[in-house]
Protein backbone atom coordinates (compact mmCIF):
# COMPACT_ATOMS: atom_id res chain seq x y z
CA MET A 1 38.89 -3.58 -6.91
CA LYS A 2 36.32 -0.88 -8.33
CA LYS A 3 34.27 -3.92 -10.22
CA TRP A 4 33.88 -5.75 -6.24
CA ILE A 5 32.69 -2.12 -5.26
CA LEU A 6 30.33 -1.34 -7.57
CA SER A 7 28.68 -4.85 -7.74
CA ALA A 8 28.62 -4.75 -3.67
CA ALA A 9 27.25 -1.01 -4.04
CA LEU A 10 24.22 -2.56 -6.79
CA PHE A 11 23.78 -5.63 -4.74
CA MET A 12 22.80 -3.63 -1.68
CA ALA A 13 21.34 -1.20 -3.81
CA ALA A 14 18.45 -4.32 -5.23
CA ASN A 15 18.15 -5.18 -1.55
CA CYS A 16 17.11 -1.90 -0.27
CA MET A 17 14.93 -2.22 -3.49
CA GLN A 18 13.34 -5.70 -2.19
CA ALA A 19 13.20 -4.26 1.39
CA GLN A 20 10.90 -1.15 0.11
CA ASP A 21 8.70 -3.14 -2.04
CA VAL A 22 5.96 -4.61 0.46
CA PHE A 23 6.00 -0.47 1.88
CA ASN A 24 5.54 1.01 -1.77
CA THR A 25 3.00 -1.41 -2.87
CA LEU A 26 0.85 -0.53 -0.37
CA LEU A 27 1.22 3.09 -0.65
CA GLU A 28 0.79 2.85 -4.38
CA LYS A 29 -2.40 0.89 -4.30
CA ALA A 30 -3.79 3.25 -1.65
CA SER A 31 -3.06 6.08 -3.68
CA HIS A 32 -4.58 4.34 -6.36
CA GLU A 33 -7.98 3.66 -4.61
CA VAL A 34 -8.10 6.97 -3.25
CA ASN A 35 -7.69 9.07 -6.69
CA THR A 36 -9.73 7.03 -8.94
CA ASN A 37 -12.80 6.73 -6.31
CA ASP A 38 -15.98 8.29 -4.57
CA ALA A 39 -14.26 9.98 -1.84
CA ASN A 40 -17.39 8.65 0.27
CA ASP A 41 -16.96 4.99 -0.72
CA TYR A 42 -15.99 2.59 2.21
CA ASN A 43 -12.93 1.50 0.53
CA THR A 44 -11.47 5.30 -0.73
CA LYS A 45 -11.90 5.94 3.05
CA ILE A 46 -10.43 3.01 4.16
CA ASN A 47 -7.54 3.61 1.70
CA TYR A 48 -7.25 6.94 2.92
CA PHE A 49 -6.21 6.17 6.29
CA TYR A 50 -4.11 4.13 4.92
CA LEU A 51 -2.27 6.41 2.50
CA THR A 52 -2.04 9.08 5.45
CA ALA A 53 -0.29 6.64 7.39
CA LEU A 54 1.90 5.19 5.51
CA ASN A 55 3.42 8.94 4.37
CA TYR A 56 3.41 10.01 7.87
CA MET A 57 5.54 6.60 8.57
CA LYS A 58 7.94 7.06 5.70
CA THR A 59 8.27 11.00 6.11
CA LYS A 60 8.93 10.59 10.33
CA ALA A 61 10.98 7.82 9.50
CA ALA A 62 12.92 9.28 6.79
CA PRO A 63 13.94 5.37 5.65
CA GLN A 64 18.00 5.56 4.39
CA ASP A 65 18.84 1.56 4.87
CA ILE A 66 17.53 -1.64 4.20
CA ALA A 67 17.14 -2.02 8.25
CA GLN A 68 15.04 0.84 8.31
CA TRP A 69 13.15 -0.20 5.00
CA LYS A 70 12.27 -3.48 6.53
CA VAL A 71 11.14 -1.89 9.75
CA LEU A 72 8.36 -0.35 7.76
CA ASP A 73 7.71 -2.85 5.46
CA GLU A 74 6.67 -4.72 8.99
CA GLN A 75 4.67 -1.66 10.30
CA ALA A 76 2.74 -1.57 6.99
CA LEU A 77 1.68 -4.85 7.35
CA ALA A 78 0.73 -4.80 10.75
CA MET A 79 -1.23 -1.79 9.71
CA GLN A 80 -2.86 -3.69 7.06
CA ALA A 81 -3.75 -6.07 9.95
CA TYR A 82 -5.02 -4.39 12.05
CA VAL A 83 -7.30 -2.37 9.97
CA THR A 84 -8.67 -6.02 8.20
CA ASP A 85 -9.20 -7.18 11.67
CA PHE A 86 -11.23 -3.84 12.98
CA ILE A 87 -13.57 -4.13 9.72
CA GLY A 88 -13.83 -8.09 10.15
CA TRP A 89 -14.74 -7.32 13.96
CA MET A 90 -17.55 -4.52 12.75
CA SER A 91 -18.77 -7.06 10.43
CA ARG A 92 -19.20 -9.99 12.74
CA THR A 93 -20.07 -8.41 15.95
CA ARG A 94 -23.84 -7.99 16.13
CA ASP A 95 -24.54 -7.38 19.57
CA GLU A 96 -23.97 -3.18 20.33
CA GLU A 97 -22.64 -3.17 23.45
CA LEU A 98 -19.84 -5.74 22.41
CA ARG A 99 -19.43 -3.56 19.36
CA ARG A 100 -18.58 -0.98 21.31
CA ARG A 101 -16.31 -1.89 23.33
CA GLY A 102 -14.15 -3.64 20.47
CA ILE A 103 -13.60 -0.68 18.50
CA GLN A 104 -12.92 1.14 22.16
CA ALA A 105 -10.26 -1.64 22.15
CA PHE A 106 -9.14 -0.87 18.29
CA ILE A 107 -8.82 2.90 19.54
CA GLU A 108 -6.82 2.47 22.76
CA ALA A 109 -4.75 -0.14 21.43
CA SER A 110 -3.56 2.47 18.57
CA ALA A 111 -2.84 5.51 21.49
CA ALA A 112 -1.53 3.67 24.01
CA HIS A 113 1.64 2.27 21.40
CA PRO A 114 3.05 5.07 19.96
CA PHE A 115 5.95 4.26 17.31
CA PHE A 116 7.71 7.54 16.86
CA ASP A 117 6.52 9.41 20.37
CA ASP A 118 5.05 12.16 18.74
CA LYS A 119 3.67 14.97 20.67
CA ASP A 120 1.61 16.89 17.49
CA THR A 121 -1.29 15.22 18.52
CA GLU A 122 -3.24 17.26 15.96
CA THR A 123 -1.97 15.22 13.39
CA THR A 124 -1.70 12.26 15.13
CA GLU A 125 -5.04 11.91 16.17
CA SER A 126 -6.64 13.07 13.31
CA PHE A 127 -8.44 10.17 12.03
CA VAL A 128 -9.54 9.67 16.36
CA ASP A 129 -10.94 13.19 16.30
CA ASP A 130 -13.06 13.09 13.32
CA SER A 131 -16.17 10.77 13.18
CA SER A 132 -16.56 10.91 9.57
CA TYR A 133 -13.35 8.45 9.44
CA ILE A 134 -13.93 4.69 9.51
CA THR A 135 -10.52 4.21 10.86
CA PRO A 136 -10.01 5.98 14.05
CA PHE A 137 -6.88 5.08 14.69
CA SER A 138 -3.65 7.03 15.82
CA LEU A 139 -0.95 7.83 13.15
CA ASP A 140 1.63 7.67 15.54
CA THR A 141 1.29 3.72 16.50
CA ASP A 142 3.53 0.56 16.66
CA TRP A 143 0.82 -1.36 14.83
CA ILE A 144 2.82 -4.79 15.60
CA ALA A 145 2.19 -4.10 19.39
CA ALA A 146 -0.89 -2.47 18.88
CA HIS A 147 -2.26 -5.35 17.26
CA GLU A 148 -0.92 -7.97 19.64
CA ALA A 149 -2.62 -5.92 22.26
CA VAL A 150 -6.01 -5.64 20.67
CA LYS A 151 -6.29 -9.71 19.86
CA GLU A 152 -5.73 -9.94 23.73
CA ALA A 153 -8.19 -7.24 24.82
CA LEU A 154 -10.84 -8.89 21.99
CA ALA A 155 -10.29 -12.16 23.66
CA LYS A 156 -11.34 -10.89 26.93
CA LEU A 157 -14.23 -9.06 25.62
CA LYS A 158 -15.90 -12.56 24.16
CA PRO A 159 -19.02 -13.35 26.02
């Protein structure tokens, strides 16, 4: 019986480690980029956002089990896709008015889809309120919902 319990515990621990692999890989990559590059570098600024947002999510969620880690994995991947789409939109869109409206759509989608309903706006809006950041998004974002919302908003902006 003890062997079965020990085996089950080890199996559950292994699954939990796998569930947090995506989140931790993104966190480690962002940390490495931030700590080894020039602070004014474009990629460093983007990775600083990733690092801050991932640490914010981890602190707020305080994941205890595999299901919670899977949610964080999904949120981390959606955040990365969101930022990638934002950078892509910025680089492809030449029309200034369309570009401005697209940026606003990204900002609004982020703000309109909170994940934790955190009332500490000084923290959650720190990237929105500071023009020196490339990624003007709320830290308290349901990245999956925001990504879907911004895709819909951008589809409506096409000339």
